[in-house]
């Protein structure tokens, strides 16, 4: 749990920095012209994860935005990607992590 909490704090700090950079880009370019997307690198991973989470067991609705396990799944996958930067995030990991969240009481 301590290692998980350590990486979770790093993920949250990165997410805060990413959102601040996005807000700055929007303030410099209020009309949305040109490129305001995430910087290449780690900023792409949460976006990939968010896209994949929406497809994870879509019929069950547990992992859809605003539902019971959405935020837990997002955090779990971001923490793993931070813990193993050599692997990062691979499409489909959300299904494996989703099973863990559904069947293990305290992940």
N, C-alpha and C. Protein backbone atom coordinates (compact mmCIF):
# COMPACT_ATOMS: atom_id res chain seq x y z
N UNK A 1 0.80 -1.21 0.00
CA UNK A 1 0.00 0.00 0.00
C UNK A 1 0.85 1.28 0.00
N UNK A 2 1.98 1.26 0.68
CA UNK A 2 2.80 2.47 0.72
C UNK A 2 3.38 2.79 -0.65
N UNK A 3 3.83 1.76 -1.37
CA UNK A 3 4.37 1.97 -2.71
C UNK A 3 3.28 2.49 -3.65
N UNK A 4 2.10 1.90 -3.54
CA UNK A 4 0.97 2.37 -4.36
C UNK A 4 0.66 3.83 -4.05
N UNK A 5 0.61 4.18 -2.78
CA UNK A 5 0.32 5.57 -2.39
C UNK A 5 1.38 6.53 -2.90
N UNK A 6 2.63 6.10 -2.88
CA UNK A 6 3.72 6.93 -3.39
C UNK A 6 3.53 7.22 -4.88
N UNK A 7 3.26 6.19 -5.66
CA UNK A 7 3.06 6.38 -7.09
C UNK A 7 1.76 7.12 -7.39
N UNK A 8 0.74 6.91 -6.56
CA UNK A 8 -0.51 7.64 -6.74
C UNK A 8 -0.29 9.13 -6.54
N UNK A 9 0.51 9.51 -5.56
CA UNK A 9 0.79 10.93 -5.36
C UNK A 9 1.55 11.52 -6.55
N UNK A 10 2.44 10.73 -7.15
CA UNK A 10 3.15 11.19 -8.34
C UNK A 10 2.20 11.35 -9.53
N UNK A 11 1.28 10.43 -9.68
CA UNK A 11 0.30 10.51 -10.76
C UNK A 11 -0.57 11.75 -10.58
N UNK A 12 -1.01 11.98 -9.37
CA UNK A 12 -1.85 13.15 -9.11
C UNK A 12 -1.09 14.45 -9.34
N UNK A 13 0.20 14.49 -8.99
CA UNK A 13 1.02 15.69 -9.23
C UNK A 13 1.20 15.91 -10.73
N UNK A 14 1.45 14.83 -11.47
CA UNK A 14 1.58 14.94 -12.93
C UNK A 14 0.28 15.41 -13.56
N UNK A 15 -0.83 14.90 -13.07
CA UNK A 15 -2.14 15.28 -13.60
C UNK A 15 -2.41 16.75 -13.34
N UNK A 16 -2.04 17.23 -12.15
CA UNK A 16 -2.22 18.64 -11.82
C UNK A 16 -1.38 19.50 -12.75
N UNK A 17 -0.11 19.11 -12.98
CA UNK A 17 0.77 19.87 -13.87
C UNK A 17 0.24 19.85 -15.30
N UNK A 18 -0.27 18.71 -15.74
CA UNK A 18 -0.82 18.59 -17.08
C UNK A 18 -2.04 19.50 -17.26
N UNK A 19 -2.94 19.48 -16.28
CA UNK A 19 -4.13 20.33 -16.37
C UNK A 19 -3.77 21.81 -16.32
N UNK A 20 -2.76 22.18 -15.54
CA UNK A 20 -2.31 23.57 -15.50
C UNK A 20 -1.73 23.98 -16.84
N UNK A 21 -0.97 23.09 -17.48
CA UNK A 21 -0.40 23.39 -18.80
C UNK A 21 -1.51 23.54 -19.84
N UNK A 22 -2.54 22.72 -19.75
CA UNK A 22 -3.67 22.82 -20.67
C UNK A 22 -4.42 24.14 -20.47
N UNK A 23 -4.62 24.53 -19.23
CA UNK A 23 -5.31 25.79 -18.94
C UNK A 23 -4.49 26.97 -19.47
N UNK A 24 -3.18 26.92 -19.32
CA UNK A 24 -2.31 27.97 -19.84
C UNK A 24 -2.39 28.02 -21.36
N UNK A 25 -2.37 26.86 -22.01
CA UNK A 25 -2.46 26.82 -23.47
C UNK A 25 -3.80 27.38 -23.94
N UNK A 26 -4.88 27.07 -23.23
CA UNK A 26 -6.20 27.60 -23.61
C UNK A 26 -6.26 29.11 -23.41
N UNK A 27 -5.60 29.61 -22.36
CA UNK A 27 -5.63 31.05 -22.11
C UNK A 27 -4.82 31.80 -23.17
N UNK A 28 -3.78 31.19 -23.68
CA UNK A 28 -2.98 31.80 -24.73
C UNK A 28 -3.62 31.69 -26.09
N UNK A 29 -4.52 30.72 -26.23
CA UNK A 29 -5.17 30.47 -27.50
C UNK A 29 -6.66 30.26 -27.26
N UNK A 30 -7.39 31.32 -26.88
CA UNK A 30 -8.80 31.15 -26.50
C UNK A 30 -9.71 30.69 -27.63
N UNK A 31 -9.33 30.93 -28.87
CA UNK A 31 -10.18 30.51 -29.99
C UNK A 31 -9.95 29.06 -30.38
N UNK A 32 -8.96 28.43 -29.78
CA UNK A 32 -8.71 27.02 -30.04
C UNK A 32 -8.02 26.74 -31.36
N UNK A 33 -7.39 27.76 -31.95
CA UNK A 33 -6.70 27.55 -33.22
C UNK A 33 -5.30 27.03 -32.94
N UNK A 34 -4.87 26.14 -33.78
CA UNK A 34 -3.53 25.59 -33.61
C UNK A 34 -3.54 24.41 -32.66
N UNK A 35 -2.37 24.04 -32.24
CA UNK A 35 -2.23 22.84 -31.42
C UNK A 35 -2.24 23.18 -29.94
N UNK A 36 -3.19 22.61 -29.21
CA UNK A 36 -3.23 22.79 -27.75
C UNK A 36 -3.29 21.44 -27.04
N UNK A 37 -2.98 20.37 -27.76
CA UNK A 37 -3.05 19.02 -27.20
C UNK A 37 -1.97 18.79 -26.16
N UNK A 38 -1.96 17.60 -25.59
CA UNK A 38 -0.98 17.30 -24.56
C UNK A 38 0.43 17.25 -25.12
N UNK A 39 1.40 17.60 -24.31
CA UNK A 39 2.78 17.45 -24.78
C UNK A 39 3.09 15.98 -24.97
N UNK A 40 3.99 15.66 -25.88
CA UNK A 40 4.30 14.25 -26.10
C UNK A 40 4.92 13.63 -24.85
N UNK A 41 4.72 12.37 -24.68
CA UNK A 41 5.30 11.68 -23.54
C UNK A 41 4.24 11.23 -22.56
N UNK A 42 4.51 11.41 -21.27
CA UNK A 42 3.64 10.89 -20.23
C UNK A 42 2.24 11.49 -20.27
N UNK A 43 2.10 12.70 -20.80
CA UNK A 43 0.79 13.33 -20.86
C UNK A 43 -0.20 12.59 -21.73
N UNK A 44 0.31 11.74 -22.62
CA UNK A 44 -0.57 10.99 -23.51
C UNK A 44 -1.21 9.79 -22.82
N UNK A 45 -0.55 9.26 -21.82
CA UNK A 45 -1.02 8.01 -21.20
C UNK A 45 -2.38 8.17 -20.53
N UNK A 46 -2.62 9.19 -19.69
CA UNK A 46 -3.96 9.30 -19.11
C UNK A 46 -5.06 9.44 -20.16
N UNK A 47 -4.77 10.10 -21.26
CA UNK A 47 -5.76 10.22 -22.33
C UNK A 47 -6.07 8.88 -22.96
N UNK A 48 -5.05 8.07 -23.18
CA UNK A 48 -5.26 6.73 -23.72
C UNK A 48 -6.06 5.87 -22.75
N UNK A 49 -5.73 6.00 -21.48
CA UNK A 49 -6.45 5.22 -20.47
C UNK A 49 -7.90 5.64 -20.40
N UNK A 50 -8.17 6.94 -20.41
CA UNK A 50 -9.57 7.42 -20.36
C UNK A 50 -10.37 6.89 -21.54
N UNK A 51 -9.75 6.89 -22.72
CA UNK A 51 -10.43 6.37 -23.91
C UNK A 51 -10.75 4.90 -23.74
N UNK A 52 -9.79 4.14 -23.25
CA UNK A 52 -9.96 2.70 -23.10
C UNK A 52 -10.95 2.35 -22.00
N UNK A 53 -10.97 3.12 -20.91
CA UNK A 53 -11.88 2.84 -19.80
C UNK A 53 -13.33 2.90 -20.27
N UNK A 54 -13.64 3.83 -21.14
CA UNK A 54 -15.02 3.94 -21.63
C UNK A 54 -15.47 2.69 -22.38
N UNK A 55 -14.52 1.91 -22.87
CA UNK A 55 -14.85 0.68 -23.60
C UNK A 55 -14.82 -0.56 -22.70
N UNK A 56 -14.38 -0.39 -21.47
CA UNK A 56 -14.19 -1.52 -20.56
C UNK A 56 -15.53 -1.98 -19.99
N UNK A 57 -15.91 -3.17 -20.35
CA UNK A 57 -17.18 -3.75 -19.89
C UNK A 57 -18.30 -2.72 -20.00
N UNK A 58 -18.46 -2.16 -21.18
CA UNK A 58 -19.42 -1.08 -21.41
C UNK A 58 -20.85 -1.49 -21.02
N UNK A 59 -21.19 -2.76 -21.17
CA UNK A 59 -22.54 -3.22 -20.83
C UNK A 59 -22.81 -3.19 -19.33
N UNK A 60 -21.76 -3.26 -18.52
CA UNK A 60 -21.94 -3.27 -17.07
C UNK A 60 -22.06 -1.87 -16.48
N UNK A 61 -21.48 -0.89 -17.13
CA UNK A 61 -21.52 0.52 -16.71
C UNK A 61 -20.78 0.81 -15.41
N UNK A 62 -20.05 -0.13 -14.87
CA UNK A 62 -19.29 0.13 -13.64
C UNK A 62 -18.16 1.12 -13.86
N UNK A 63 -17.60 1.12 -15.06
CA UNK A 63 -16.40 1.89 -15.31
C UNK A 63 -16.64 3.15 -16.15
N UNK A 64 -17.88 3.46 -16.45
CA UNK A 64 -18.19 4.66 -17.22
C UNK A 64 -17.99 5.88 -16.34
N UNK A 65 -17.71 7.01 -16.96
CA UNK A 65 -17.46 8.25 -16.20
C UNK A 65 -18.65 8.52 -15.28
N UNK A 66 -18.35 8.79 -14.01
CA UNK A 66 -19.38 9.07 -13.02
C UNK A 66 -19.93 7.83 -12.34
N UNK A 67 -19.50 6.65 -12.76
CA UNK A 67 -20.00 5.42 -12.16
C UNK A 67 -19.08 4.92 -11.04
N UNK A 68 -19.50 3.86 -10.44
CA UNK A 68 -18.92 3.33 -9.22
C UNK A 68 -17.39 3.16 -9.23
N UNK A 69 -16.84 2.55 -10.24
CA UNK A 69 -15.43 2.19 -10.22
C UNK A 69 -14.57 2.95 -11.23
N UNK A 70 -15.11 3.95 -11.89
CA UNK A 70 -14.37 4.68 -12.93
C UNK A 70 -13.07 5.27 -12.40
N UNK A 71 -13.15 6.04 -11.33
CA UNK A 71 -11.97 6.73 -10.81
C UNK A 71 -10.93 5.75 -10.26
N UNK A 72 -11.40 4.67 -9.64
CA UNK A 72 -10.46 3.67 -9.12
C UNK A 72 -9.70 2.99 -10.25
N UNK A 73 -10.40 2.68 -11.33
CA UNK A 73 -9.75 2.04 -12.48
C UNK A 73 -8.75 3.00 -13.13
N UNK A 74 -9.14 4.24 -13.29
CA UNK A 74 -8.25 5.25 -13.86
C UNK A 74 -6.99 5.39 -13.02
N UNK A 75 -7.14 5.51 -11.71
CA UNK A 75 -5.99 5.64 -10.83
C UNK A 75 -5.10 4.40 -10.86
N UNK A 76 -5.71 3.22 -10.82
CA UNK A 76 -4.94 1.98 -10.84
C UNK A 76 -4.09 1.88 -12.10
N UNK A 77 -4.68 2.18 -13.24
CA UNK A 77 -3.94 2.08 -14.50
C UNK A 77 -2.86 3.16 -14.62
N UNK A 78 -3.14 4.35 -14.16
CA UNK A 78 -2.14 5.42 -14.20
C UNK A 78 -0.97 5.11 -13.26
N UNK A 79 -1.28 4.56 -12.09
CA UNK A 79 -0.23 4.19 -11.14
C UNK A 79 0.64 3.09 -11.75
N UNK A 80 0.03 2.11 -12.37
CA UNK A 80 0.82 1.03 -12.98
C UNK A 80 1.71 1.57 -14.10
N UNK A 81 1.17 2.45 -14.92
CA UNK A 81 1.95 3.04 -16.01
C UNK A 81 3.13 3.85 -15.46
N UNK A 82 2.93 4.51 -14.33
CA UNK A 82 4.00 5.28 -13.70
C UNK A 82 5.02 4.33 -13.06
N UNK A 83 4.55 3.25 -12.46
CA UNK A 83 5.42 2.27 -11.81
C UNK A 83 6.28 1.52 -12.82
N UNK A 84 5.71 1.23 -13.97
CA UNK A 84 6.42 0.51 -15.02
C UNK A 84 6.49 1.35 -16.30
N UNK A 85 7.30 2.39 -16.31
CA UNK A 85 7.37 3.25 -17.49
C UNK A 85 7.91 2.52 -18.72
N UNK A 86 8.63 1.42 -18.51
CA UNK A 86 9.11 0.64 -19.64
C UNK A 86 7.95 0.01 -20.41
N UNK A 87 6.85 -0.29 -19.72
CA UNK A 87 5.65 -0.81 -20.36
C UNK A 87 4.63 0.28 -20.65
N UNK A 88 4.51 1.22 -19.72
CA UNK A 88 3.50 2.27 -19.88
C UNK A 88 2.11 1.67 -19.81
N UNK A 89 1.27 2.10 -20.71
CA UNK A 89 -0.09 1.56 -20.78
C UNK A 89 -0.26 0.88 -22.12
N UNK A 90 -0.82 -0.30 -22.10
CA UNK A 90 -1.08 -1.06 -23.32
C UNK A 90 -2.59 -1.26 -23.41
N UNK A 91 -3.13 -1.00 -24.60
CA UNK A 91 -4.57 -1.12 -24.79
C UNK A 91 -5.03 -2.50 -24.34
N UNK A 92 -6.10 -2.52 -23.58
CA UNK A 92 -6.66 -3.76 -23.07
C UNK A 92 -6.32 -4.03 -21.62
N UNK A 93 -5.33 -3.31 -21.07
CA UNK A 93 -5.01 -3.50 -19.65
C UNK A 93 -6.21 -3.17 -18.77
N UNK A 94 -7.08 -2.33 -19.25
CA UNK A 94 -8.24 -1.94 -18.45
C UNK A 94 -9.16 -3.13 -18.16
N UNK A 95 -9.18 -4.11 -19.06
CA UNK A 95 -10.01 -5.29 -18.82
C UNK A 95 -9.43 -6.15 -17.69
N UNK A 96 -8.10 -6.28 -17.67
CA UNK A 96 -7.46 -7.05 -16.60
C UNK A 96 -7.65 -6.33 -15.27
N UNK A 97 -7.36 -5.03 -15.26
CA UNK A 97 -7.51 -4.25 -14.03
C UNK A 97 -8.98 -4.18 -13.61
N UNK A 98 -9.89 -4.13 -14.57
CA UNK A 98 -11.32 -4.12 -14.26
C UNK A 98 -11.74 -5.38 -13.53
N UNK A 99 -11.22 -6.53 -13.97
CA UNK A 99 -11.52 -7.78 -13.26
C UNK A 99 -11.01 -7.72 -11.83
N UNK A 100 -9.82 -7.18 -11.64
CA UNK A 100 -9.29 -7.06 -10.28
C UNK A 100 -10.22 -6.22 -9.40
N UNK A 101 -10.66 -5.09 -9.93
CA UNK A 101 -11.54 -4.23 -9.15
C UNK A 101 -12.89 -4.86 -8.87
N UNK A 102 -13.38 -5.65 -9.80
CA UNK A 102 -14.69 -6.28 -9.62
C UNK A 102 -14.67 -7.43 -8.61
N UNK A 103 -13.55 -8.17 -8.56
CA UNK A 103 -13.54 -9.41 -7.79
C UNK A 103 -12.66 -9.40 -6.55
N UNK A 104 -11.79 -8.40 -6.41
CA UNK A 104 -10.94 -8.34 -5.21
C UNK A 104 -11.44 -7.18 -4.37
N UNK A 105 -11.67 -7.44 -3.09
CA UNK A 105 -12.32 -6.45 -2.24
C UNK A 105 -11.51 -5.18 -2.07
N UNK A 106 -10.21 -5.27 -1.80
CA UNK A 106 -9.41 -4.08 -1.54
C UNK A 106 -8.19 -4.05 -2.44
N UNK A 107 -8.31 -3.35 -3.56
CA UNK A 107 -7.19 -3.25 -4.50
C UNK A 107 -6.54 -1.91 -4.31
